[in-house]
Protein backbone atom coordinates (compact mmCIF):
# COMPACT_ATOMS: atom_id res chain seq x y z
CA UNK A 1 14.23 7.78 38.30
CA UNK A 2 11.10 8.51 39.41
CA UNK A 3 8.55 11.12 37.67
CA UNK A 4 4.95 12.70 37.32
CA UNK A 5 4.38 12.17 34.23
CA UNK A 6 1.90 14.75 34.12
CA UNK A 7 4.43 17.77 34.55
CA UNK A 8 7.54 16.53 34.02
CA UNK A 9 8.80 16.86 38.11
CA UNK A 10 11.32 14.33 39.55
CA UNK A 11 9.99 12.95 42.71
CA UNK A 12 13.19 10.99 43.47
CA UNK A 13 16.60 10.24 41.53
CA UNK A 14 20.15 8.11 42.67
CA UNK A 15 22.38 7.78 40.27
CA UNK A 16 20.22 8.67 37.69
CA UNK A 17 23.08 9.69 35.42
CA UNK A 18 25.24 6.70 35.32
CA UNK A 19 25.51 5.77 31.61
CA UNK A 20 25.18 2.32 31.80
CA UNK A 21 24.12 -0.68 29.37
CA UNK A 22 20.43 -0.54 28.35
CA UNK A 23 19.86 -3.76 27.47
CA UNK A 24 15.89 -3.94 25.43
CA UNK A 25 14.92 -0.69 26.79
CA UNK A 26 16.84 0.29 23.38
CA UNK A 27 14.08 -0.67 21.59
CA UNK A 28 12.14 2.23 23.21
CA UNK A 29 13.79 4.70 20.79
CA UNK A 30 13.47 1.64 18.35
CA UNK A 31 9.59 2.33 18.46
CA UNK A 32 9.57 5.46 18.55
CA UNK A 33 12.18 6.29 15.44
CA UNK A 34 9.33 3.51 13.90
CA UNK A 35 6.31 5.42 14.86
CA UNK A 36 8.25 9.44 13.07
CA UNK A 37 8.86 7.08 10.57
CA UNK A 38 5.22 5.79 9.79
CA UNK A 39 3.74 9.30 10.99
CA UNK A 40 6.46 10.69 8.51
CA UNK A 41 4.97 8.85 5.54
CA UNK A 42 8.25 6.83 4.82
CA UNK A 43 6.76 3.39 5.76
CA UNK A 44 3.09 2.09 6.95
CA UNK A 45 2.45 -0.47 9.34
CA UNK A 46 0.85 -2.49 6.18
CA UNK A 47 4.33 -2.75 4.59
CA UNK A 48 6.05 -6.08 3.90
CA UNK A 49 9.39 -5.73 4.99
CA UNK A 50 11.53 -8.36 3.74
CA UNK A 51 14.12 -10.57 6.46
CA UNK A 52 17.18 -10.27 5.91
CA UNK A 53 20.30 -12.92 6.46
CA UNK A 54 21.05 -10.30 9.48
CA UNK A 55 18.26 -9.94 11.79
CA UNK A 56 17.31 -13.52 11.37
CA UNK A 57 20.55 -14.52 12.81
CA UNK A 58 20.29 -12.19 16.12
CA UNK A 59 19.84 -14.10 19.28
CA UNK A 60 17.09 -14.32 21.56
CA UNK A 61 14.89 -13.03 22.87
CA UNK A 62 13.72 -13.61 19.29
CA UNK A 63 10.01 -13.87 16.84
CA UNK A 64 12.26 -16.67 14.44
CA UNK A 65 11.95 -14.92 11.17
CA UNK A 66 13.28 -16.78 8.73
CA UNK A 67 15.64 -15.04 6.24
CA UNK A 68 14.27 -13.95 2.85
CA UNK A 69 10.50 -14.04 4.09
CA UNK A 70 7.87 -10.71 4.34
CA UNK A 71 6.00 -9.96 7.26
CA UNK A 72 4.07 -7.02 7.77
CA UNK A 73 5.48 -4.38 9.64
CA UNK A 74 3.05 -4.19 12.15
CA UNK A 75 3.47 -7.61 13.29
CA UNK A 76 7.42 -6.44 13.87
CA UNK A 77 6.71 -3.62 16.01
CA UNK A 78 4.05 -5.95 17.91
CA UNK A 79 6.50 -8.34 18.41
CA UNK A 80 9.80 -5.90 19.53
CA UNK A 81 7.50 -3.97 21.91
CA UNK A 82 5.93 -7.17 23.83
CA UNK A 83 8.31 -9.82 23.03
CA UNK A 84 11.29 -7.98 22.99
CA UNK A 85 12.17 -9.35 19.87
CA UNK A 86 15.78 -8.92 18.49
CA UNK A 87 15.43 -10.30 15.13
CA UNK A 88 12.22 -8.02 14.86
CA UNK A 89 13.85 -4.83 15.77
CA UNK A 90 16.84 -5.36 13.97
CA UNK A 91 14.20 -5.62 11.14
CA UNK A 92 12.92 -2.55 11.95
CA UNK A 93 15.79 -0.78 11.71
CA UNK A 94 16.71 -2.26 8.23
CA UNK A 95 13.37 -1.59 6.70
CA UNK A 96 13.59 2.29 7.59
CA UNK A 97 17.01 3.46 7.06
CA UNK A 98 18.57 0.61 5.09
CA UNK A 99 20.86 -1.25 7.80
CA UNK A 100 20.93 -1.07 11.43
CA UNK A 101 23.73 0.99 11.49
CA UNK A 102 22.19 4.08 9.83
CA UNK A 103 19.02 3.12 11.93
CA UNK A 104 21.07 3.01 15.01
CA UNK A 105 22.49 6.72 14.16
CA UNK A 106 18.66 8.05 13.65
CA UNK A 107 18.40 6.67 16.81
CA UNK A 108 21.20 8.62 18.50
CA UNK A 109 20.05 11.65 16.65
CA UNK A 110 16.67 11.35 17.69
CA UNK A 111 17.66 10.70 21.37
CA UNK A 112 19.88 14.29 21.29
CA UNK A 113 16.67 15.70 19.79
CA UNK A 114 14.57 14.55 22.99
CA UNK A 115 17.05 15.90 25.18
CA UNK A 116 18.59 12.53 26.20
CA UNK A 117 22.50 13.94 26.69
CA UNK A 118 24.04 10.68 28.00
CA UNK A 119 22.71 8.27 25.16
CA UNK A 120 24.13 6.73 22.29
CA UNK A 121 23.12 3.44 20.18
CA UNK A 122 25.06 1.11 18.61
CA UNK A 123 21.69 -1.63 17.49
CA UNK A 124 18.48 -1.86 17.69
CA UNK A 125 18.05 -4.17 19.86
CA UNK A 126 20.23 -3.53 23.06
CA UNK A 127 22.82 -6.46 23.24
CA UNK A 128 25.99 -4.89 24.78
CA UNK A 129 27.83 -3.61 22.03
CA UNK A 130 30.67 -1.15 22.97
CA UNK A 131 29.79 2.44 23.54
CA UNK A 132 25.73 1.75 23.27
CA UNK A 133 24.51 3.15 26.41
CA UNK A 134 22.48 5.16 28.11
CA UNK A 135 21.10 6.61 31.71
CA UNK A 136 17.75 5.96 34.44
CA UNK A 137 16.85 9.64 33.26
CA UNK A 138 17.77 9.41 29.88
CA UNK A 139 14.86 6.42 29.75
CA UNK A 140 12.36 8.15 31.96
CA UNK A 141 12.58 11.17 29.82
CA UNK A 142 12.14 8.51 26.71
CA UNK A 143 9.42 6.85 28.13
CA UNK A 144 7.44 10.11 28.55
CA UNK A 145 7.72 10.98 25.51
CA UNK A 146 6.48 7.98 23.73
CA UNK A 147 3.50 8.71 26.01
CA UNK A 148 2.46 12.28 25.10
CA UNK A 149 4.11 12.01 21.48
CA UNK A 150 2.41 8.67 20.34
CA UNK A 151 -0.57 8.25 22.39
CA UNK A 152 -1.82 5.83 19.71
CA UNK A 153 0.86 3.42 19.66
CA UNK A 154 1.40 3.53 23.40
CA UNK A 155 -1.49 0.62 24.23
CA UNK A 156 1.05 -1.80 22.30
CA UNK A 157 2.99 -1.59 26.02
CA UNK A 158 -0.49 -2.98 28.12
CA UNK A 159 -0.63 -5.91 25.95
CA UNK A 160 0.08 -9.37 27.97
CA UNK A 161 0.49 -10.90 24.76
CA UNK A 162 -0.90 -10.35 21.16
CA UNK A 163 -0.83 -11.58 17.47
CA UNK A 164 3.20 -11.16 16.05
CA UNK A 165 1.79 -12.56 12.76
CA UNK A 166 3.88 -15.94 12.93
CA UNK A 167 2.58 -16.62 16.18
CA UNK A 168 0.96 -14.66 19.74
CA UNK A 169 3.74 -13.56 21.94
CA UNK A 170 4.00 -12.88 25.14
CA UNK A 171 4.74 -9.93 27.20
CA UNK A 172 8.48 -9.96 29.28
CA UNK A 173 6.66 -7.55 31.61
CA UNK A 174 3.26 -9.49 32.24
CA UNK A 175 4.29 -9.53 35.69
CA UNK A 176 4.27 -6.51 36.83
CA UNK A 177 0.82 -5.48 34.84
CA UNK A 178 -0.78 -7.97 36.65
CA UNK A 179 0.53 -7.49 39.84
CA UNK A 180 0.39 -3.72 40.08
CA UNK A 181 -2.62 -1.95 39.80
CA UNK A 182 -2.83 0.65 37.22
CA UNK A 183 0.65 -0.56 35.53
CA UNK A 184 0.03 -0.33 31.86
CA UNK A 185 3.60 -0.16 30.26
CA UNK A 186 6.39 0.01 29.06
CA UNK A 187 9.28 -2.04 29.12
CA UNK A 188 11.75 -4.74 30.26
CA UNK A 189 15.60 -5.24 29.59
CA UNK A 190 18.11 -7.69 30.04
CA UNK A 191 21.40 -8.88 29.83
CA UNK A 192 24.45 -9.76 31.40
CA UNK A 193 26.39 -6.52 31.16
CA UNK A 194 23.18 -4.81 32.35
CA UNK A 195 21.42 -6.78 34.88
CA UNK A 196 17.39 -6.23 34.75
CA UNK A 197 16.13 -3.16 33.61
CA UNK A 198 12.48 -1.76 33.63
CA UNK A 199 11.02 1.60 32.65
CA UNK A 200 7.28 1.30 33.97
CA UNK A 201 4.72 3.30 34.15
CA UNK A 202 1.23 3.53 35.79
CA UNK A 203 -2.12 5.72 36.60
CA UNK A 204 -4.00 5.83 39.27
CA UNK A 205 -6.35 8.61 40.12
CA UNK A 206 -5.77 10.56 37.04
CA UNK A 207 -2.22 10.38 38.35
CA UNK A 208 0.72 8.86 36.17
CA UNK A 209 4.41 8.26 37.39
CA UNK A 210 6.76 6.83 36.06
CA UNK A 211 9.90 4.84 37.16
CA UNK A 212 12.80 3.71 36.05
CA UNK A 213 15.30 0.89 37.27
CA UNK A 214 18.72 -0.21 35.75
CA UNK A 215 20.83 -3.12 37.10
CA UNK A 216 18.53 -4.91 39.31
CA UNK A 217 19.89 -8.39 40.35
CA UNK A 218 16.81 -10.60 39.01
CA UNK A 219 13.42 -10.01 37.63
CA UNK A 220 11.55 -10.53 40.68
CA UNK A 221 13.59 -8.50 42.83
CA UNK A 222 13.97 -5.64 39.74
CA UNK A 223 9.62 -5.94 40.04
CA UNK A 224 9.92 -5.23 43.86
CA UNK A 225 11.97 -2.18 43.60
CA UNK A 226 10.05 -0.99 41.02
CA UNK A 227 6.75 -1.37 42.68
CA UNK A 228 8.59 0.59 45.80
CA UNK A 229 9.48 3.39 43.57
CA UNK A 230 5.85 4.02 41.77
CA UNK A 231 4.22 3.80 45.50
CA UNK A 232 6.62 6.53 46.29
CA UNK A 233 5.99 8.85 43.33
CA UNK A 234 2.01 8.18 43.84
CA UNK A 235 3.10 9.02 47.90
CA UNK A 236 4.64 12.40 46.58
CA UNK A 237 2.49 13.24 43.59
CA UNK A 238 0.02 16.01 44.09
CA UNK A 239 -3.34 14.86 43.58
CA UNK A 240 -3.85 17.34 41.14
CA UNK A 241 -1.00 19.40 38.93
CA UNK A 242 -1.86 21.24 35.46
CA UNK A 243 -0.74 19.01 32.75
CA UNK A 244 2.84 19.78 30.87
CA UNK A 245 3.39 17.61 28.03
CA UNK A 246 6.26 17.17 26.49
CA UNK A 247 7.53 19.37 23.39
CA UNK A 248 7.89 16.97 20.62
CA UNK A 249 10.87 17.96 19.45
CA UNK A 250 11.46 18.56 15.25
CA UNK A 251 12.94 15.59 14.32
CA UNK A 252 13.57 16.59 10.30
CA UNK A 253 17.24 16.69 11.17
CA UNK A 254 17.77 13.31 12.59
CA UNK A 255 15.76 11.38 9.09
CA UNK A 256 17.12 10.74 5.70
CA UNK A 257 14.20 10.83 4.41
CA UNK A 258 10.93 13.04 3.46
CA UNK A 259 9.78 15.72 5.90
CA UNK A 260 6.54 16.76 5.69
CA UNK A 261 6.71 20.50 6.05
CA UNK A 262 3.01 22.20 5.15
CA UNK A 263 -0.47 20.94 3.22
CA UNK A 264 -1.92 23.03 0.49
CA UNK A 265 -4.96 22.54 -1.85
CA UNK A 266 -4.01 20.35 -4.81
CA UNK A 267 -4.15 22.34 -8.46
CA UNK A 268 -6.21 21.25 -11.10
CA UNK A 269 -4.15 19.14 -13.34
CA UNK A 270 -2.55 20.34 -16.30
CA UNK A 271 -2.58 18.69 -19.73
CA UNK A 272 1.17 17.44 -20.16
CA UNK A 273 2.04 18.83 -23.96
CA UNK A 274 3.10 16.04 -26.26
CA UNK A 275 6.10 18.03 -27.13
CA UNK A 276 7.27 17.86 -23.50
CA UNK A 277 6.99 13.94 -23.26
CA UNK A 278 8.56 13.42 -26.38
CA UNK A 279 11.27 15.35 -25.09
CA UNK A 280 12.01 13.74 -22.18
CA UNK A 281 11.16 10.36 -23.33
CA UNK A 282 12.68 9.55 -27.07
CA UNK A 283 10.30 8.60 -29.74
CA UNK A 284 6.91 6.91 -29.85
CA UNK A 285 5.13 9.74 -28.10
CA UNK A 286 1.53 7.70 -28.15
CA UNK A 287 3.19 4.87 -25.98
CA UNK A 288 5.40 7.22 -23.78
CA UNK A 289 1.79 9.16 -22.92
CA UNK A 290 0.17 5.55 -22.07
CA UNK A 291 2.80 5.17 -20.02
CA UNK A 292 2.59 8.36 -18.07
CA UNK A 293 -1.13 7.89 -17.81
CA UNK A 294 -0.27 4.44 -15.96
CA UNK A 295 2.31 6.18 -14.01
CA UNK A 296 0.53 9.08 -12.75
CA UNK A 297 -2.56 6.19 -12.37
CA UNK A 298 -0.44 4.41 -10.33
CA UNK A 299 1.19 7.15 -8.39
CA UNK A 300 -2.93 8.18 -7.45
CA UNK A 301 -2.53 5.84 -4.66
CA UNK A 302 0.60 6.58 -2.47
CA UNK A 303 2.99 4.78 -0.88
CA UNK A 304 2.17 3.93 2.43
CA UNK A 305 -0.38 5.90 3.69
CA UNK A 306 -3.48 7.71 1.32
CA UNK A 307 -3.80 11.32 1.36
CA UNK A 308 -6.79 12.82 2.33
CA UNK A 309 -8.57 14.09 -1.35
CA UNK A 310 -8.00 17.38 -2.22
CA UNK A 311 -4.70 18.17 -0.55
CA UNK A 312 -1.00 17.94 -1.68
CA UNK A 313 1.89 16.60 0.70
CA UNK A 314 4.61 19.48 -0.12
CA UNK A 315 8.20 18.33 1.31
CA UNK A 316 11.27 18.99 1.68
CA UNK A 317 14.46 16.81 2.53
CA UNK A 318 16.85 16.73 4.60
CA UNK A 319 20.16 14.26 4.85
CA UNK A 320 23.12 13.37 7.06
CA UNK A 321 25.00 11.71 4.35
CA UNK A 322 26.19 14.79 2.75
CA UNK A 323 27.70 12.95 -0.32
CA UNK A 324 25.43 12.36 -3.51
CA UNK A 325 27.14 10.04 -4.78
CA UNK A 326 24.51 7.06 -4.43
CA UNK A 327 21.73 5.79 -7.00
CA UNK A 328 19.65 3.41 -7.74
CA UNK A 329 19.31 0.79 -10.41
CA UNK A 330 15.44 -0.44 -11.88
CA UNK A 331 16.97 -2.93 -14.10
CA UNK A 332 18.28 -4.18 -17.97
CA UNK A 333 16.34 -3.31 -20.64
CA UNK A 334 16.61 -4.14 -24.55
CA UNK A 335 16.49 -0.97 -25.56
CA UNK A 336 17.48 3.07 -25.20
CA UNK A 337 13.63 3.30 -25.35
CA UNK A 338 12.38 0.61 -23.00
CA UNK A 339 14.91 2.10 -20.20
CA UNK A 340 13.84 5.67 -20.97
CA UNK A 341 10.37 4.89 -20.46
CA UNK A 342 10.53 3.05 -17.31
CA UNK A 343 12.40 6.08 -15.99
CA UNK A 344 10.18 8.48 -16.88
CA UNK A 345 7.47 6.02 -15.74
CA UNK A 346 8.94 5.64 -11.98
CA UNK A 347 9.60 9.32 -11.69
CA UNK A 348 6.20 10.08 -11.70
CA UNK A 349 5.11 7.35 -9.58
CA UNK A 350 7.61 8.31 -6.87
CA UNK A 351 8.39 11.98 -7.61
CA UNK A 352 8.42 12.58 -3.75
CA UNK A 353 12.16 10.66 -3.52
CA UNK A 354 13.04 10.99 -6.96
CA UNK A 355 12.52 14.14 -7.76
CA UNK A 356 16.41 15.70 -7.34
CA UNK A 357 17.77 12.01 -9.26
CA UNK A 358 18.98 12.54 -12.32
CA UNK A 359 17.82 9.91 -15.00
CA UNK A 360 20.38 7.87 -16.63
CA UNK A 361 20.86 4.97 -19.18
CA UNK A 362 24.16 2.85 -19.21
CA UNK A 363 24.70 0.88 -22.17
CA UNK A 364 26.56 -2.38 -21.44
CA UNK A 365 26.58 -5.55 -23.24
CA UNK A 366 23.79 -7.36 -22.31
CA UNK A 367 21.46 -4.10 -22.94
CA UNK A 368 20.70 -0.65 -22.06
CA UNK A 369 20.95 0.31 -17.47
CA UNK A 370 17.44 2.42 -16.41
CA UNK A 371 19.77 4.04 -13.27
CA UNK A 372 19.07 6.84 -11.52
CA UNK A 373 22.12 8.73 -10.31
CA UNK A 374 23.04 12.04 -8.16
CA UNK A 375 21.25 10.84 -5.15
CA UNK A 376 22.71 9.97 -1.00
CA UNK A 377 23.04 6.73 0.30
CA UNK A 378 19.98 7.06 2.74
CA UNK A 379 17.70 8.61 -0.09
CA UNK A 380 18.50 5.54 -2.31
CA UNK A 381 17.88 3.08 0.53
CA UNK A 382 14.75 4.58 0.78
CA UNK A 383 13.42 4.88 -2.94
CA UNK A 384 14.46 1.53 -3.65
CA UNK A 385 12.08 0.61 0.10
CA UNK A 386 9.52 2.26 -1.50
CA UNK A 387 9.25 0.92 -5.10
CA UNK A 388 9.84 -2.66 -3.63
CA UNK A 389 6.51 -1.87 -1.70
CA UNK A 390 5.33 -1.27 -5.39
CA UNK A 391 6.51 -4.85 -6.69
CA UNK A 392 8.63 -3.04 -8.60
CA UNK A 393 12.39 -4.03 -9.00
CA UNK A 394 14.73 -1.90 -7.11
CA UNK A 395 18.57 -2.05 -6.98
CA UNK A 396 21.16 0.70 -4.88
CA UNK A 397 24.18 1.92 -6.42
CA UNK A 398 27.53 2.54 -4.33
CA UNK A 399 29.70 5.70 -5.54
CA UNK A 400 31.86 3.08 -7.20
CA UNK A 401 28.51 1.41 -9.32
């Protein structure tokens, strides 16, 4: 598939709609979803991600992550984009959606919203899995959206090497980047089932061409074919054409997390009546008031990105899971009052994810458990990730929990 990226015009296509294994071209969508999540405020590039045993066990290519270690989100992004690290891709999916399976569903929903009608994702890295398929047309479309929808991150794909936290990694596409004039991305892919795949973009004299090849016999023959297709694209593309950027889709329904819909001026804060605090938190109103004050102070520094002074982010939540049978546990406490106090404090700190949840104290043989209940699975996982980013204890509770 060859297109003029400026207009989206197809300049050449052959078997472009045949569903094939995308291999690590998959990571283009992994990163698209990550960039979208960062833009929404679900997570930030500075978030410290704890690596699961599952992510650490992914086969090469990999960064070499260890189970239990923490690493900044930005390094996982660099490792996935440049080195095509499978462990980093899985860790990204888990950080965003709580599990790779949930993240793959979000990837597929995002693909549909972008118009990738013949693509289904089953994982975040692209290793061969039944039903994990795409086409040259769909991946070319995704490459164009990456360039226009997230230009602030596109330079990642042109780096011949980058600091990935644990070490410096080299770009799997560095040979084409170094050999073809104007080439500045995007992504390679290889598995035995897929062969050698590549989505490449190059710019010359104000013209930008994107070319995609699936199923090359070797990296050398693949690169030669892509160079030939890029040459064909530059030869056929008009020297001047009006740029028609692709329409960025509304991805609200693809995310289980907060979706920004508007911003309004922050109202002048009003004092909270002591009676209200006592009614919600029980006795010892002065201590509760101090807890609330502390929570408001913490909440004044949002996670993951600070908002401009004088503005309030108005959000609405959309979930793909349906049932609200999940919850989170904040720990076990010595008294009901202590459990209620931490629930109130946490509700104020994480009002964006917990304002619809119900606060519930459960007495057990070892004390009082502080729980939020009545949540979707995705919402519970997101709340725990955000609380963990504040160094607060949190564990998800399943339907039976």
